[in-house]
Structures are given as structure tokens and as C-alpha cells.
Amino acid sequence: MRRRPSCCATPRPDARVLRSPRLSSFADRVIAWQRTHGRHTLPWQNTRDPYRVWLSEIMLQQTQV
């Protein structure tokens, strides 16, 4: 009998789980919390300049916000 590679041993998440009302409700609560309590003055949140967004990604890897 042929064995499957270990990379395939773990089942992938079922699409029904990803669309579940419970997960959706959790995501909605996290987004609502961020809108109320999150930091809204970070410079990269108000720009669509690709260079500034890329630079912020690099900086965030190096330091805590």
C-alpha cells in the first residue's frame, strides 16, 4: 500500500468552516473593535502610495508599533 507524503497528511480546512456564521461573527467583532479602539493615526493607513506601504511593511518587520 502506498503512503501519502507527510505534507498531505493534514486535511485542508473545509470551505464550510471558512464560511461559518461563527467565524464571520468573530471577524465582525474584531473589525468593530479595531474601528473603535485601534490606532488610526499611523502614516501608512492614509496613503495608497506603493512605496510608503512597502516601506511600512519593512519597518514593521523590524520594530513593534
Protein backbone atom coordinates (compact mmCIF):
# COMPACT_ATOMS: atom_id res chain seq x y z
CA MET A 1 0.00 0.00 0.00
CA ARG A 2 1.34 3.39 -0.94
CA ARG A 3 1.55 6.08 1.75
CA ARG A 4 0.77 9.72 1.17
CA PRO A 5 3.56 12.24 1.74
CA SER A 6 3.54 13.86 5.18
CA CYS A 7 2.74 17.22 3.61
CA CYS A 8 -0.67 15.86 2.63
CA ALA A 9 -1.48 14.06 5.87
CA THR A 10 -3.20 17.05 7.45
CA PRO A 11 -6.64 17.67 6.00
CA ARG A 12 -7.27 21.07 4.50
CA PRO A 13 -9.96 23.23 6.11
CA ASP A 14 -13.40 22.56 4.79
CA ALA A 15 -14.84 25.52 2.88
CA ARG A 16 -17.95 25.31 5.05
CA VAL A 17 -15.83 26.10 8.11
CA LEU A 18 -14.37 29.16 6.42
CA ARG A 19 -17.87 30.46 5.70
CA SER A 20 -19.36 29.54 9.05
CA PRO A 21 -21.52 32.14 10.86
CA ARG A 22 -19.36 31.73 13.97
CA LEU A 23 -16.18 32.70 12.10
CA SER A 24 -17.96 35.56 10.35
CA SER A 25 -19.27 36.83 13.69
CA PHE A 26 -15.77 36.72 15.19
CA ALA A 27 -14.31 38.62 12.23
CA ASP A 28 -17.05 41.25 12.51
CA ARG A 29 -16.30 41.73 16.22
CA VAL A 30 -12.55 42.10 15.58
CA ILE A 31 -13.15 44.69 12.85
CA ALA A 32 -15.60 46.61 15.06
CA TRP A 33 -13.09 46.60 17.93
CA GLN A 34 -10.34 47.95 15.66
CA ARG A 35 -12.60 50.73 14.38
CA THR A 36 -13.38 51.79 17.94
CA HIS A 37 -10.09 51.19 19.76
CA GLY A 38 -7.47 50.80 17.05
CA ARG A 39 -4.79 53.29 16.13
CA HIS A 40 -5.96 55.44 13.24
CA THR A 41 -3.04 57.85 13.01
CA LEU A 42 -0.42 55.55 11.58
CA PRO A 43 1.01 57.18 8.43
CA TRP A 44 0.58 54.21 6.09
CA GLN A 45 -3.13 53.92 6.85
CA ASN A 46 -3.94 57.06 4.89
CA THR A 47 -1.90 56.55 1.73
CA ARG A 48 -2.11 54.49 -1.39
CA ASP A 49 1.47 55.27 -2.41
CA PRO A 50 3.00 51.81 -3.02
CA TYR A 51 6.45 52.94 -1.87
CA ARG A 52 5.15 54.16 1.50
CA VAL A 53 3.12 51.00 2.03
CA TRP A 54 6.13 48.81 1.15
CA LEU A 55 8.39 50.85 3.43
CA SER A 56 5.95 50.47 6.31
CA GLU A 57 5.95 46.68 5.80
CA ILE A 58 9.74 46.64 6.06
CA MET A 59 9.74 48.85 9.16
CA LEU A 60 7.04 46.79 10.87
CA GLN A 61 9.18 43.69 10.49
CA GLN A 62 11.96 45.43 12.41
CA THR A 63 10.05 47.07 15.25
CA GLN A 64 6.85 46.95 17.26
CA VAL A 65 4.15 49.52 16.60
